[in-house]
Amino acid sequence: MSIFRTSAFVTALLLSATACSDGGQGNAQQTSGSDQASTIGDATFEAGTGVQIGAEDAPITMLEYASITCSHCKDFHEDVVGAVFDDYVASGKVKFIFREFPLNQIDVAGFAVARCAGEENYFAALDMFFDEQDAVISAAQDGTILEKLNEIGSGFGLDSDEVDTCINDSDVRRQIAASIDAGQADGVSSTPSIFVNGVRQETVESRSAEGMANILDGLLGEPANEAEADTEDPAETNVNAD
């Protein structure tokens, strides 16, 4: 039987601004978690916690802790993560690790469905949950959240019984709990929390695609904003119009 039928689920919807923010107190320590992973498709579930994508020997590791119902996480996912995937993960420069940091039971259930969708579909499922964030929250508020989870799960071959089993699966919940434990070990108290090569990123710059590109390029030893170097010679712009 689903958790949504046996508990006062809507009261667990904890969407406080302080919980979903631009990050808590940072540190520069190396992040926790296992480096071992079993590969299926393009993404892999880490042996200990999280989901990773990208070359194992990439010079940069970018780690994100996030929540499905966090609006800041949605913005970061859509504005920054997509660009990192296209420009850095695909080229072998960055290994990206996503770790679930649920703020409420919607997040737990959503992450469970994404995991049950399979490693090859995990990030696609995550994309869908962020795309449908407003609808997911509305469904929780009007009591139709299970139907919404079934709708999203069906896009990845999960029927209603499989979704129900998935969100109540103790092994899946332990995997998500391991991700939370890793976040707490890394000092995470809010989402999104971003680490690059083990160093927490808390600047406004790191929250934009251009800013993150500058951070990554700096670590790669590449010049930032190359386009700005091609400025016109002032002498050539002051042409006599006679």
Protein backbone atom coordinates (compact mmCIF):
# COMPACT_ATOMS: atom_id res chain seq x y z
CA MET A 1 0.00 0.00 0.00
CA SER A 2 1.30 3.43 -0.94
CA ILE A 3 2.66 5.85 1.64
CA PHE A 4 0.28 8.41 0.13
CA ARG A 5 -2.72 6.35 1.22
CA THR A 6 -1.50 5.70 4.74
CA SER A 7 -0.19 9.05 5.94
CA ALA A 8 -1.09 12.73 6.04
CA PHE A 9 1.13 13.29 3.05
CA VAL A 10 0.28 16.86 2.17
CA THR A 11 1.39 18.03 5.61
CA ALA A 12 4.88 16.76 4.74
CA LEU A 13 5.20 19.29 1.93
CA LEU A 14 8.04 21.36 3.41
CA LEU A 15 8.78 24.05 0.88
CA SER A 16 10.37 26.66 3.13
CA ALA A 17 12.50 29.36 1.50
CA THR A 18 15.32 28.67 3.93
CA ALA A 19 15.48 25.01 2.99
CA CYS A 20 15.46 25.63 -0.76
CA SER A 21 18.04 28.37 -1.06
CA ASP A 22 21.33 29.17 -2.75
CA GLY A 23 23.27 27.09 -0.24
CA GLY A 24 24.23 26.95 3.38
CA GLN A 25 27.58 27.44 5.09
CA GLY A 26 30.35 26.17 2.84
CA ASN A 27 33.64 24.43 3.28
CA ALA A 28 36.57 23.44 1.12
CA GLN A 29 36.88 19.83 2.25
CA GLN A 30 36.80 16.92 -0.17
CA THR A 31 33.31 15.52 -0.59
CA SER A 32 32.27 12.11 0.71
CA GLY A 33 30.95 9.00 -1.00
CA SER A 34 32.21 5.98 -2.90
CA ASP A 35 34.01 6.29 -6.25
CA GLN A 36 32.98 2.78 -7.35
CA ALA A 37 30.13 2.39 -9.79
CA SER A 38 28.51 -0.23 -12.02
CA THR A 39 27.88 1.01 -15.55
CA ILE A 40 24.54 0.69 -17.36
CA GLY A 41 23.88 2.95 -20.32
CA ASP A 42 25.20 6.50 -20.23
CA ALA A 43 24.77 7.09 -16.48
CA THR A 44 25.79 5.00 -13.50
CA PHE A 45 24.51 4.54 -9.98
CA GLU A 46 27.43 4.91 -7.60
CA ALA A 47 27.99 1.91 -5.36
CA GLY A 48 27.53 4.12 -2.29
CA THR A 49 25.27 6.98 -3.33
CA GLY A 50 24.25 9.22 -6.20
CA VAL A 51 24.18 8.98 -9.97
CA GLN A 52 27.08 9.97 -12.17
CA ILE A 53 27.63 10.66 -15.85
CA GLY A 54 30.78 11.46 -17.75
CA ALA A 55 34.29 10.12 -18.17
CA GLU A 56 35.68 8.44 -15.06
CA ASP A 57 39.08 10.06 -15.69
CA ALA A 58 37.70 13.58 -16.29
CA PRO A 59 39.96 16.25 -14.74
CA ILE A 60 36.98 17.91 -13.02
CA THR A 61 34.27 16.39 -10.85
CA MET A 62 31.14 18.47 -10.34
CA LEU A 63 28.77 17.34 -7.60
CA GLU A 64 25.24 18.62 -7.01
CA TYR A 65 22.89 17.98 -4.10
CA ALA A 66 19.35 18.91 -5.08
CA SER A 67 15.64 18.55 -4.38
CA ILE A 68 12.91 17.93 -6.97
CA THR A 69 10.53 20.49 -5.42
CA CYS A 70 13.13 23.23 -4.92
CA SER A 71 12.63 26.13 -7.35
CA HIS A 72 16.30 27.14 -7.13
CA CYS A 73 17.25 23.57 -8.06
CA LYS A 74 14.94 23.71 -11.08
CA ASP A 75 16.57 26.95 -12.24
CA PHE A 76 20.07 25.57 -11.74
CA HIS A 77 19.20 22.33 -13.49
CA GLU A 78 17.71 24.09 -16.50
CA ASP A 79 20.17 26.99 -16.78
CA VAL A 80 23.48 25.45 -15.71
CA VAL A 81 23.44 21.65 -15.63
CA GLY A 82 22.20 21.37 -19.21
CA ALA A 83 25.05 23.59 -20.43
CA VAL A 84 27.59 21.63 -18.39
CA PHE A 85 26.32 18.37 -19.90
CA ASP A 86 26.53 19.73 -23.45
CA ASP A 87 29.85 21.56 -23.22
CA TYR A 88 31.90 19.74 -20.59
CA VAL A 89 30.52 16.29 -19.79
CA ALA A 90 30.13 15.30 -23.45
CA SER A 91 33.72 16.36 -24.18
CA GLY A 92 35.17 14.36 -21.29
CA LYS A 93 36.22 17.41 -19.26
CA VAL A 94 33.73 16.99 -16.39
CA LYS A 95 32.32 14.03 -14.50
CA PHE A 96 28.95 15.06 -13.06
CA ILE A 97 27.54 13.45 -9.92
CA PHE A 98 23.98 14.07 -8.77
CA ARG A 99 23.00 13.24 -5.21
CA GLU A 100 19.44 13.36 -3.95
CA PHE A 101 18.78 15.64 -1.01
CA PRO A 102 15.01 15.42 -0.47
CA LEU A 103 13.25 18.13 1.52
CA ASN A 104 9.91 16.31 1.77
CA GLN A 105 8.07 13.11 0.85
CA ILE A 106 7.38 14.31 -2.70
CA ASP A 107 11.11 14.40 -3.29
CA VAL A 108 11.61 10.95 -1.80
CA ALA A 109 8.88 9.46 -4.01
CA GLY A 110 10.09 11.31 -7.11
CA PHE A 111 13.68 10.23 -6.64
CA ALA A 112 12.47 6.65 -6.11
CA VAL A 113 10.60 6.73 -9.42
CA ALA A 114 13.66 8.19 -11.18
CA ARG A 115 15.82 5.38 -9.78
CA CYS A 116 13.29 2.73 -10.78
CA ALA A 117 13.26 4.19 -14.30
CA GLY A 118 16.82 2.84 -14.57
CA GLU A 119 20.29 4.28 -14.86
CA GLU A 120 19.90 4.89 -18.58
CA ASN A 121 16.75 6.94 -17.89
CA TYR A 122 17.58 8.57 -14.57
CA PHE A 123 18.51 12.02 -15.86
CA ALA A 124 15.64 12.02 -18.35
CA ALA A 125 13.27 11.29 -15.46
CA LEU A 126 14.89 14.05 -13.43
CA ASP A 127 14.38 16.44 -16.37
CA MET A 128 10.69 15.54 -16.40
CA PHE A 129 10.25 16.10 -12.68
CA PHE A 130 11.82 19.56 -12.95
CA ASP A 131 9.78 20.36 -16.08
CA GLU A 132 6.63 19.33 -14.21
CA GLN A 133 7.60 20.85 -10.86
CA ASP A 134 4.60 23.17 -10.55
CA ALA A 135 2.20 20.39 -11.56
CA VAL A 136 3.80 17.97 -9.09
CA ILE A 137 3.42 20.44 -6.23
CA SER A 138 -0.18 21.23 -7.25
CA ALA A 139 -0.95 17.50 -7.36
CA ALA A 140 0.38 17.12 -3.82
CA GLN A 141 -1.81 19.97 -2.66
CA ASP A 142 -5.01 18.67 -4.26
CA GLY A 143 -4.46 15.01 -3.33
CA THR A 144 -3.63 13.65 -6.80
CA ILE A 145 0.11 13.19 -6.34
CA LEU A 146 0.01 9.42 -6.87
CA GLU A 147 -1.71 9.93 -10.21
CA LYS A 148 0.99 12.42 -11.19
CA LEU A 149 3.76 10.01 -10.20
CA ASN A 150 2.03 7.29 -12.24
CA GLU A 151 1.88 9.64 -15.21
CA ILE A 152 5.61 10.42 -15.04
CA GLY A 153 6.53 6.80 -14.34
CA SER A 154 4.54 5.60 -17.35
CA GLY A 155 6.85 7.62 -19.57
CA PHE A 156 9.63 5.26 -18.53
CA GLY A 157 7.72 2.00 -18.76
CA LEU A 158 6.50 1.82 -15.15
CA ASP A 159 2.88 0.85 -14.56
CA SER A 160 0.90 1.98 -11.50
CA ASP A 161 1.72 -1.15 -9.50
CA GLU A 162 5.42 -0.73 -10.23
CA VAL A 163 5.33 2.92 -9.20
CA ASP A 164 3.54 2.01 -5.97
CA THR A 165 6.06 -0.75 -5.23
CA CYS A 166 8.95 1.52 -6.14
CA ILE A 167 8.11 4.38 -3.78
CA ASN A 168 7.74 1.93 -0.91
CA ASP A 169 10.82 -0.16 -1.72
CA SER A 170 13.11 -0.26 1.33
CA ASP A 171 16.25 -0.77 -0.77
CA VAL A 172 15.50 2.28 -2.92
CA ARG A 173 14.80 4.34 0.19
CA ARG A 174 18.10 3.21 1.71
CA GLN A 175 19.90 4.39 -1.42
CA ILE A 176 18.27 7.81 -1.12
CA ALA A 177 19.09 7.87 2.61
CA ALA A 178 22.74 7.16 1.75
CA SER A 179 22.71 10.23 -0.50
CA ILE A 180 21.30 12.33 2.36
CA ASP A 181 23.99 10.98 4.70
CA ALA A 182 26.69 11.92 2.20
CA GLY A 183 25.24 15.42 1.97
CA GLN A 184 25.19 15.85 5.72
CA ALA A 185 28.81 14.66 5.85
CA ASP A 186 29.61 17.36 3.30
CA GLY A 187 27.89 20.04 5.39
CA VAL A 188 24.86 20.38 3.13
CA SER A 189 21.78 21.92 4.74
CA SER A 190 20.03 23.48 1.72
CA THR A 191 19.63 22.99 -1.99
CA PRO A 192 21.11 23.29 -4.47
CA SER A 193 24.60 22.74 -3.04
CA ILE A 194 27.37 22.53 -5.62
CA PHE A 195 30.93 21.25 -5.27
CA VAL A 196 33.63 21.42 -7.94
CA ASN A 197 36.63 19.19 -7.31
CA GLY A 198 35.53 18.97 -3.70
CA VAL A 199 35.25 22.73 -3.11
CA ARG A 200 31.83 24.18 -2.37
CA GLN A 201 30.66 26.88 -4.80
CA GLU A 202 28.70 29.65 -3.10
CA THR A 203 29.15 32.65 -5.39
CA VAL A 204 26.46 34.22 -7.55
CA GLU A 205 28.74 33.48 -10.50
CA SER A 206 28.45 29.74 -9.96
CA ARG A 207 24.67 29.92 -10.38
CA SER A 208 24.79 30.94 -14.05
CA ALA A 209 25.92 28.96 -17.09
CA GLU A 210 28.48 31.62 -18.05
CA GLY A 211 29.80 31.89 -14.52
CA MET A 212 30.12 28.13 -14.09
CA ALA A 213 31.88 27.95 -17.46
CA ASN A 214 34.43 30.50 -16.20
CA ILE A 215 35.01 28.42 -13.06
CA LEU A 216 35.45 25.20 -15.02
CA ASP A 217 37.64 26.84 -17.68
CA GLY A 218 39.84 28.31 -14.97
CA LEU A 219 40.44 24.83 -13.55
CA LEU A 220 41.13 23.54 -17.05
CA GLY A 221 43.61 26.35 -17.69
CA GLU A 222 41.53 27.78 -20.52
CA PRO A 223 41.02 31.55 -20.97
CA ALA A 224 37.65 32.87 -19.85
CA ASN A 225 35.39 34.87 -22.16
CA GLU A 226 37.54 34.37 -25.26
CA ALA A 227 35.09 36.43 -27.29
CA GLU A 228 35.99 39.51 -25.26
CA ALA A 229 39.60 39.21 -26.44
CA ASP A 230 38.51 39.89 -30.01
CA THR A 231 37.56 43.53 -29.41
CA GLU A 232 37.83 46.00 -32.22
CA ASP A 233 40.76 48.39 -32.46
CA PRO A 234 39.45 51.83 -31.44
CA ALA A 235 41.50 53.37 -34.23
CA GLU A 236 39.65 51.28 -36.79
CA THR A 237 36.23 52.25 -35.44
CA ASN A 238 36.79 56.02 -35.71
CA VAL A 239 36.53 56.13 -39.49
CA ASN A 240 36.00 59.53 -41.13
CA ALA A 241 32.55 59.52 -42.73
CA ASP A 242 33.38 62.13 -45.39
